[in-house]
């Protein structure tokens, strides 16, 4: 499942990158400032998805390791967007 999450985040990053390229080409500075926020958010989203995927791959099918990951992720604060 997290492989699909990472793939989706990478797709969103590509979309934002295209918008930013267009804003730069059109010298639309206001849009560039707005899009920079999304760029920063996507860096964080891809990082999170990559880290979780790495933990899950490392854990494999170990029930104890998966339980530890579940507890660790349960402690994270997620922003409501």
PDB file of N, CA and C in Angstrom:
ATOM      1  N   UNK A   1       0.820  -1.189   0.000  1.00  0.00           N
ATOM      2  CA  UNK A   1       0.000   0.000   0.000  1.00  0.00           C
ATOM      3  C   UNK A   1       0.872   1.264   0.000  1.00  0.00           C
ATOM      4  N   UNK A   2       1.931   1.281   0.804  1.00  0.00           N
ATOM      5  CA  UNK A   2       2.758   2.481   0.860  1.00  0.00           C
ATOM      6  C   UNK A   2       3.570   2.680  -0.411  1.00  0.00           C
ATOM      7  N   UNK A   3       3.742   1.633  -1.201  1.00  0.00           N
ATOM      8  CA  UNK A   3       4.368   1.813  -2.508  1.00  0.00           C
ATOM      9  C   UNK A   3       3.454   2.660  -3.383  1.00  0.00           C
ATOM     10  N   UNK A   4       2.142   2.403  -3.286  1.00  0.00           N
ATOM     11  CA  UNK A   4       1.172   3.200  -4.036  1.00  0.00           C
ATOM     12  C   UNK A   4       1.122   4.629  -3.512  1.00  0.00           C
ATOM     13  N   UNK A   5       1.243   4.788  -2.196  1.00  0.00           N
ATOM     14  CA  UNK A   5       1.257   6.129  -1.603  1.00  0.00           C
ATOM     15  C   UNK A   5       2.455   6.918  -2.131  1.00  0.00           C
ATOM     16  N   UNK A   6       3.629   6.299  -2.120  1.00  0.00           N
ATOM     17  CA  UNK A   6       4.827   6.977  -2.615  1.00  0.00           C
ATOM     18  C   UNK A   6       4.680   7.327  -4.093  1.00  0.00           C
ATOM     19  N   UNK A   7       4.161   6.405  -4.877  1.00  0.00           N
ATOM     20  CA  UNK A   7       3.976   6.658  -6.309  1.00  0.00           C
ATOM     21  C   UNK A   7       3.021   7.842  -6.523  1.00  0.00           C
ATOM     22  N   UNK A   8       1.966   7.903  -5.721  1.00  0.00           N
ATOM     23  CA  UNK A   8       1.009   9.005  -5.826  1.00  0.00           C
ATOM     24  C   UNK A   8       1.673  10.328  -5.454  1.00  0.00           C
ATOM     25  N   UNK A   9       2.453  10.337  -4.372  1.00  0.00           N
ATOM     26  CA  UNK A   9       3.139  11.560  -3.958  1.00  0.00           C
ATOM     27  C   UNK A   9       4.113  12.022  -5.037  1.00  0.00           C
ATOM     28  N   UNK A  10       4.787  11.085  -5.693  1.00  0.00           N
ATOM     29  CA  UNK A  10       5.696  11.441  -6.774  1.00  0.00           C
ATOM     30  C   UNK A  10       4.936  12.021  -7.965  1.00  0.00           C
ATOM     31  N   UNK A  11       3.743  11.498  -8.227  1.00  0.00           N
ATOM     32  CA  UNK A  11       2.898  12.044  -9.285  1.00  0.00           C
ATOM     33  C   UNK A  11       2.507  13.483  -8.963  1.00  0.00           C
ATOM     34  N   UNK A  12       2.087  13.719  -7.712  1.00  0.00           N
ATOM     35  CA  UNK A  12       1.703  15.068  -7.287  1.00  0.00           C
ATOM     36  C   UNK A  12       2.899  16.016  -7.396  1.00  0.00           C
ATOM     37  N   UNK A  13       4.065  15.548  -7.000  1.00  0.00           N
ATOM     38  CA  UNK A  13       5.285  16.356  -7.117  1.00  0.00           C
ATOM     39  C   UNK A  13       5.517  16.763  -8.562  1.00  0.00           C
ATOM     40  N   UNK A  14       5.335  15.829  -9.488  1.00  0.00           N
ATOM     41  CA  UNK A  14       5.492  16.126 -10.912  1.00  0.00           C
ATOM     42  C   UNK A  14       4.516  17.187 -11.383  1.00  0.00           C
ATOM     43  N   UNK A  15       3.278  17.112 -10.914  1.00  0.00           N
ATOM     44  CA  UNK A  15       2.269  18.113 -11.281  1.00  0.00           C
ATOM     45  C   UNK A  15       2.660  19.497 -10.772  1.00  0.00           C
ATOM     46  N   UNK A  16       3.112  19.550  -9.521  1.00  0.00           N
ATOM     47  CA  UNK A  16       3.527  20.829  -8.941  1.00  0.00           C
ATOM     48  C   UNK A  16       4.738  21.381  -9.684  1.00  0.00           C
ATOM     49  N   UNK A  17       5.651  20.489 -10.051  1.00  0.00           N
ATOM     50  CA  UNK A  17       6.842  20.897 -10.793  1.00  0.00           C
ATOM     51  C   UNK A  17       6.447  21.538 -12.132  1.00  0.00           C
ATOM     52  N   UNK A  18       5.470  20.939 -12.807  1.00  0.00           N
ATOM     53  CA  UNK A  18       4.998  21.500 -14.081  1.00  0.00           C
ATOM     54  C   UNK A  18       4.383  22.883 -13.876  1.00  0.00           C
ATOM     55  N   UNK A  19       3.580  23.025 -12.824  1.00  0.00           N
ATOM     56  CA  UNK A  19       2.981  24.330 -12.539  1.00  0.00           C
ATOM     57  C   UNK A  19       4.048  25.371 -12.240  1.00  0.00           C
ATOM     58  N   UNK A  20       5.050  24.969 -11.468  1.00  0.00           N
ATOM     59  CA  UNK A  20       6.132  25.897 -11.134  1.00  0.00           C
ATOM     60  C   UNK A  20       6.899  26.300 -12.391  1.00  0.00           C
ATOM     61  N   UNK A  21       7.171  25.347 -13.254  1.00  0.00           N
ATOM     62  CA  UNK A  21       7.873  25.654 -14.506  1.00  0.00           C
ATOM     63  C   UNK A  21       7.097  26.669 -15.337  1.00  0.00           C
ATOM     64  N   UNK A  22       5.784  26.478 -15.386  1.00  0.00           N
ATOM     65  CA  UNK A  22       4.948  27.409 -16.148  1.00  0.00           C
ATOM     66  C   UNK A  22       4.953  28.794 -15.494  1.00  0.00           C
ATOM     67  N   UNK A  23       4.881  28.839 -14.179  1.00  0.00           N
ATOM     68  CA  UNK A  23       4.895  30.130 -13.477  1.00  0.00           C
ATOM     69  C   UNK A  23       6.222  30.850 -13.702  1.00  0.00           C
ATOM     70  N   UNK A  24       7.315  30.104 -13.699  1.00  0.00           N
ATOM     71  CA  UNK A  24       8.634  30.709 -13.945  1.00  0.00           C
ATOM     72  C   UNK A  24       8.702  31.226 -15.378  1.00  0.00           C
ATOM     73  N   UNK A  25       8.246  30.408 -16.321  1.00  0.00           N
ATOM     74  CA  UNK A  25       8.288  30.807 -17.729  1.00  0.00           C
ATOM     75  C   UNK A  25       7.470  32.067 -17.985  1.00  0.00           C
ATOM     76  N   UNK A  26       6.365  32.205 -17.271  1.00  0.00           N
ATOM     77  CA  UNK A  26       5.490  33.361 -17.448  1.00  0.00           C
ATOM     78  C   UNK A  26       5.842  34.511 -16.501  1.00  0.00           C
ATOM     79  N   UNK A  27       6.901  34.332 -15.734  1.00  0.00           N
ATOM     80  CA  UNK A  27       7.332  35.335 -14.753  1.00  0.00           C
ATOM     81  C   UNK A  27       6.191  35.729 -13.818  1.00  0.00           C
ATOM     82  N   UNK A  28       5.413  34.722 -13.421  1.00  0.00           N
ATOM     83  CA  UNK A  28       4.289  34.915 -12.499  1.00  0.00           C
ATOM     84  C   UNK A  28       4.817  34.716 -11.082  1.00  0.00           C
ATOM     85  N   UNK A  29       5.338  35.781 -10.511  1.00  0.00           N
ATOM     86  CA  UNK A  29       6.025  35.705  -9.225  1.00  0.00           C
ATOM     87  C   UNK A  29       5.088  35.355  -8.077  1.00  0.00           C
ATOM     88  N   UNK A  30       3.876  35.844  -8.108  1.00  0.00           N
ATOM     89  CA  UNK A  30       2.913  35.532  -7.049  1.00  0.00           C
ATOM     90  C   UNK A  30       2.620  34.028  -7.019  1.00  0.00           C
ATOM     91  N   UNK A  31       2.434  33.443  -8.183  1.00  0.00           N
ATOM     92  CA  UNK A  31       2.177  31.998  -8.244  1.00  0.00           C
ATOM     93  C   UNK A  31       3.404  31.205  -7.798  1.00  0.00           C
ATOM     94  N   UNK A  32       4.586  31.703  -8.123  1.00  0.00           N
ATOM     95  CA  UNK A  32       5.804  31.015  -7.684  1.00  0.00           C
ATOM     96  C   UNK A  32       5.889  30.960  -6.167  1.00  0.00           C
ATOM     97  N   UNK A  33       5.532  32.061  -5.520  1.00  0.00           N
ATOM     98  CA  UNK A  33       5.554  32.098  -4.055  1.00  0.00           C
ATOM     99  C   UNK A  33       4.552  31.104  -3.488  1.00  0.00           C
ATOM    100  N   UNK A  34       3.351  31.098  -4.038  1.00  0.00           N
ATOM    101  CA  UNK A  34       2.327  30.150  -3.585  1.00  0.00           C
ATOM    102  C   UNK A  34       2.766  28.712  -3.826  1.00  0.00           C
ATOM    103  N   UNK A  35       3.282  28.446  -5.003  1.00  0.00           N
ATOM    104  CA  UNK A  35       3.694  27.084  -5.344  1.00  0.00           C
ATOM    105  C   UNK A  35       4.877  26.616  -4.508  1.00  0.00           C
ATOM    106  N   UNK A  36       5.714  27.532  -4.043  1.00  0.00           N
ATOM    107  CA  UNK A  36       6.851  27.134  -3.207  1.00  0.00           C
ATOM    108  C   UNK A  36       6.372  26.445  -1.936  1.00  0.00           C
ATOM    109  N   UNK A  37       5.241  26.886  -1.397  1.00  0.00           N
ATOM    110  CA  UNK A  37       4.675  26.220  -0.220  1.00  0.00           C
ATOM    111  C   UNK A  37       4.355  24.769  -0.558  1.00  0.00           C
ATOM    112  N   UNK A  38       3.754  24.540  -1.715  1.00  0.00           N
ATOM    113  CA  UNK A  38       3.422  23.176  -2.134  1.00  0.00           C
ATOM    114  C   UNK A  38       4.676  22.340  -2.389  1.00  0.00           C
ATOM    115  N   UNK A  39       5.696  22.962  -2.946  1.00  0.00           N
ATOM    116  CA  UNK A  39       6.965  22.258  -3.158  1.00  0.00           C
ATOM    117  C   UNK A  39       7.506  21.776  -1.817  1.00  0.00           C
ATOM    118  N   UNK A  40       7.530  22.662  -0.829  1.00  0.00           N
ATOM    119  CA  UNK A  40       8.025  22.301   0.501  1.00  0.00           C
ATOM    120  C   UNK A  40       7.200  21.177   1.120  1.00  0.00           C
ATOM    121  N   UNK A  41       5.888  21.254   0.982  1.00  0.00           N
ATOM    122  CA  UNK A  41       5.009  20.208   1.512  1.00  0.00           C
ATOM    123  C   UNK A  41       5.270  18.859   0.838  1.00  0.00           C
ATOM    124  N   UNK A  42       5.476  18.888  -0.464  1.00  0.00           N
ATOM    125  CA  UNK A  42       5.701  17.636  -1.186  1.00  0.00           C
ATOM    126  C   UNK A  42       7.019  16.996  -0.809  1.00  0.00           C
ATOM    127  N   UNK A  43       8.027  17.800  -0.533  1.00  0.00           N
ATOM    128  CA  UNK A  43       9.303  17.249  -0.066  1.00  0.00           C
ATOM    129  C   UNK A  43       9.047  16.451   1.214  1.00  0.00           C
ATOM    130  N   UNK A  44       8.269  17.014   2.112  1.00  0.00           N
ATOM    131  CA  UNK A  44       7.951  16.348   3.380  1.00  0.00           C
ATOM    132  C   UNK A  44       7.091  15.098   3.153  1.00  0.00           C
ATOM    133  N   UNK A  45       6.116  15.199   2.273  1.00  0.00           N
ATOM    134  CA  UNK A  45       5.229  14.054   2.006  1.00  0.00           C
ATOM    135  C   UNK A  45       6.001  12.878   1.409  1.00  0.00           C
ATOM    136  N   UNK A  46       6.876  13.161   0.451  1.00  0.00           N
ATOM    137  CA  UNK A  46       7.673  12.085  -0.147  1.00  0.00           C
ATOM    138  C   UNK A  46       8.637  11.492   0.871  1.00  0.00           C
ATOM    139  N   UNK A  47       9.209  12.344   1.695  1.00  0.00           N
ATOM    140  CA  UNK A  47      10.120  11.864   2.742  1.00  0.00           C
ATOM    141  C   UNK A  47       9.391  10.928   3.699  1.00  0.00           C
ATOM    142  N   UNK A  48       8.206  11.321   4.142  1.00  0.00           N
ATOM    143  CA  UNK A  48       7.427  10.482   5.054  1.00  0.00           C
ATOM    144  C   UNK A  48       7.079   9.145   4.420  1.00  0.00           C
ATOM    145  N   UNK A  49       6.581   9.176   3.203  1.00  0.00           N
ATOM    146  CA  UNK A  49       6.199   7.940   2.528  1.00  0.00           C
ATOM    147  C   UNK A  49       7.407   7.027   2.324  1.00  0.00           C
ATOM    148  N   UNK A  50       8.542   7.602   1.965  1.00  0.00           N
ATOM    149  CA  UNK A  50       9.767   6.816   1.756  1.00  0.00           C
ATOM    150  C   UNK A  50      10.237   6.185   3.064  1.00  0.00           C
ATOM    151  N   UNK A  51      10.192   6.954   4.158  1.00  0.00           N
ATOM    152  CA  UNK A  51      10.613   6.430   5.458  1.00  0.00           C
ATOM    153  C   UNK A  51       9.711   5.281   5.918  1.00  0.00           C
ATOM    154  N   UNK A  52       8.412   5.459   5.784  1.00  0.00           N
ATOM    155  CA  UNK A  52       7.475   4.411   6.201  1.00  0.00           C
ATOM    156  C   UNK A  52       7.668   3.166   5.357  1.00  0.00           C
ATOM    157  N   UNK A  53       7.816   3.335   4.061  1.00  0.00           N
ATOM    158  CA  UNK A  53       8.037   2.200   3.168  1.00  0.00           C
ATOM    159  C   UNK A  53       9.317   1.462   3.544  1.00  0.00           C
ATOM    160  N   UNK A  54      10.363   2.208   3.856  1.00  0.00           N
ATOM    161  CA  UNK A  54      11.620   1.588   4.275  1.00  0.00           C
ATOM    162  C   UNK A  54      11.461   0.792   5.560  1.00  0.00           C
ATOM    163  N   UNK A  55      10.745   1.346   6.527  1.00  0.00           N
ATOM    164  CA  UNK A  55      10.509   0.627   7.781  1.00  0.00           C
ATOM    165  C   UNK A  55       9.727  -0.658   7.543  1.00  0.00           C
ATOM    166  N   UNK A  56       8.713  -0.573   6.699  1.00  0.00           N
ATOM    167  CA  UNK A  56       7.885  -1.750   6.427  1.00  0.00           C
ATOM    168  C   UNK A  56       8.674  -2.836   5.697  1.00  0.00           C
ATOM    169  N   UNK A  57       9.521  -2.435   4.767  1.00  0.00           N
ATOM    170  CA  UNK A  57      10.343  -3.421   4.058  1.00  0.00           C
ATOM    171  C   UNK A  57      11.324  -4.081   5.012  1.00  0.00           C
ATOM    172  N   UNK A  58      11.889  -3.296   5.908  1.00  0.00           N
ATOM    173  CA  UNK A  58      12.822  -3.828   6.891  1.00  0.00           C
ATOM    174  C   UNK A  58      12.120  -4.795   7.847  1.00  0.00           C
ATOM    175  N   UNK A  59      10.910  -4.479   8.236  1.00  0.00           N
ATOM    176  CA  UNK A  59      10.153  -5.316   9.168  1.00  0.00           C
ATOM    177  C   UNK A  59       9.717  -6.624   8.527  1.00  0.00           C
ATOM    178  N   UNK A  60       9.466  -6.580   7.233  1.00  0.00           N
ATOM    179  CA  UNK A  60       8.996  -7.796   6.554  1.00  0.00           C
ATOM    180  C   UNK A  60       7.685  -8.266   7.146  1.00  0.00           C
ATOM    181  N   UNK A  61       7.621  -9.542   7.485  1.00  0.00           N
ATOM    182  CA  UNK A  61       6.381 -10.100   8.034  1.00  0.00           C
ATOM    183  C   UNK A  61       6.477 -10.321   9.539  1.00  0.00           C
ATOM    184  N   UNK A  62       7.455  -9.703  10.166  1.00  0.00           N
ATOM    185  CA  UNK A  62       7.635  -9.832  11.609  1.00  0.00           C
ATOM    186  C   UNK A  62       6.528  -9.086  12.347  1.00  0.00           C
ATOM    187  N   UNK A  63       5.682  -9.842  13.011  1.00  0.00           N
ATOM    188  CA  UNK A  63       4.556  -9.244  13.730  1.00  0.00           C
ATOM    189  C   UNK A  63       4.994  -8.238  14.775  1.00  0.00           C
ATOM    190  N   UNK A  64       6.060  -8.558  15.512  1.00  0.00           N
ATOM    191  CA  UNK A  64       6.549  -7.647  16.541  1.00  0.00           C
ATOM    192  C   UNK A  64       7.048  -6.343  15.956  1.00  0.00           C
ATOM    193  N   UNK A  65       7.782  -6.433  14.862  1.00  0.00           N
ATOM    194  CA  UNK A  65       8.310  -5.224  14.217  1.00  0.00           C
ATOM    195  C   UNK A  65       7.172  -4.382  13.653  1.00  0.00           C
ATOM    196  N   UNK A  66       6.183  -5.048  13.061  1.00  0.00           N
ATOM    197  CA  UNK A  66       5.041  -4.313  12.512  1.00  0.00           C
ATOM    198  C   UNK A  66       4.253  -3.620  13.620  1.00  0.00           C
ATOM    199  N   UNK A  67       4.132  -4.270  14.770  1.00  0.00           N
ATOM    200  CA  UNK A  67       3.452  -3.664  15.910  1.00  0.00           C
ATOM    201  C   UNK A  67       4.214  -2.426  16.389  1.00  0.00           C
ATOM    202  N   UNK A  68       5.533  -2.507  16.422  1.00  0.00           N
ATOM    203  CA  UNK A  68       6.341  -1.355  16.829  1.00  0.00           C
ATOM    204  C   UNK A  68       6.173  -0.194  15.849  1.00  0.00           C
ATOM    205  N   UNK A  69       6.152  -0.507  14.561  1.00  0.00           N
ATOM    206  CA  UNK A  69       5.951   0.532  13.548  1.00  0.00           C
ATOM    207  C   UNK A  69       4.579   1.170  13.719  1.00  0.00           C
ATOM    208  N   UNK A  70       3.571   0.334  13.956  1.00  0.00           N
ATOM    209  CA  UNK A  70       2.216   0.839  14.155  1.00  0.00           C
ATOM    210  C   UNK A  70       2.169   1.801  15.338  1.00  0.00           C
ATOM    211  N   UNK A  71       2.801   1.433  16.420  1.00  0.00           N
ATOM    212  CA  UNK A  71       2.824   2.306  17.603  1.00  0.00           C
ATOM    213  C   UNK A  71       3.569   3.603  17.312  1.00  0.00           C
ATOM    214  N   UNK A  72       4.693   3.497  16.616  1.00  0.00           N
ATOM    215  CA  UNK A  72       5.481   4.684  16.285  1.00  0.00           C
ATOM    216  C   UNK A  72       4.681   5.634  15.397  1.00  0.00           C
ATOM    217  N   UNK A  73       4.020   5.079  14.391  1.00  0.00           N
ATOM    218  CA  UNK A  73       3.232   5.922  13.490  1.00  0.00           C
ATOM    219  C   UNK A  73       2.018   6.501  14.203  1.00  0.00           C
ATOM    220  N   UNK A  74       1.484   5.771  15.164  1.00  0.00           N
ATOM    221  CA  UNK A  74       0.338   6.261  15.925  1.00  0.00           C
ATOM    222  C   UNK A  74       0.673   7.478  16.768  1.00  0.00           C
ATOM    223  N   UNK A  75       1.937   7.667  17.083  1.00  0.00           N
ATOM    224  CA  UNK A  75       2.376   8.804  17.893  1.00  0.00           C
ATOM    225  C   UNK A  75       2.619  10.056  17.059  1.00  0.00           C
ATOM    226  N   UNK A  76       2.676   9.902  15.749  1.00  0.00           N
ATOM    227  CA  UNK A  76       2.923  11.059  14.873  1.00  0.00           C
ATOM    228  C   UNK A  76       1.725  11.969  14.883  1.00  0.00           C
ATOM    229  N   UNK A  77       2.011  13.251  14.768  1.00  0.00           N
ATOM    230  CA  UNK A  77       0.939  14.236  14.634  1.00  0.00           C
ATOM    231  C   UNK A  77       0.744  14.512  13.159  1.00  0.00           C
ATOM    232  N   UNK A  78      -0.466  14.302  12.695  1.00  0.00           N
ATOM    233  CA  UNK A  78      -0.771  14.555  11.295  1.00  0.00           C
ATOM    234  C   UNK A  78      -1.601  15.824  11.204  1.00  0.00           C
ATOM    235  N   UNK A  79      -1.264  16.624  10.197  1.00  0.00           N
ATOM    236  CA  UNK A  79      -1.988  17.870   9.969  1.00  0.00           C
ATOM    237  C   UNK A  79      -3.263  17.579   9.205  1.00  0.00           C
ATOM    238  N   UNK A  80      -4.343  18.134   9.657  1.00  0.00           N
ATOM    239  CA  UNK A  80      -5.604  18.055   8.905  1.00  0.00           C
ATOM    240  C   UNK A  80      -5.547  19.104   7.810  1.00  0.00           C
ATOM    241  N   UNK A  81      -5.697  18.679   6.578  1.00  0.00           N
ATOM    242  CA  UNK A  81      -5.611  19.633   5.463  1.00  0.00           C
ATOM    243  C   UNK A  81      -6.904  19.652   4.714  1.00  0.00           C
TER     244      UNK A  81
END
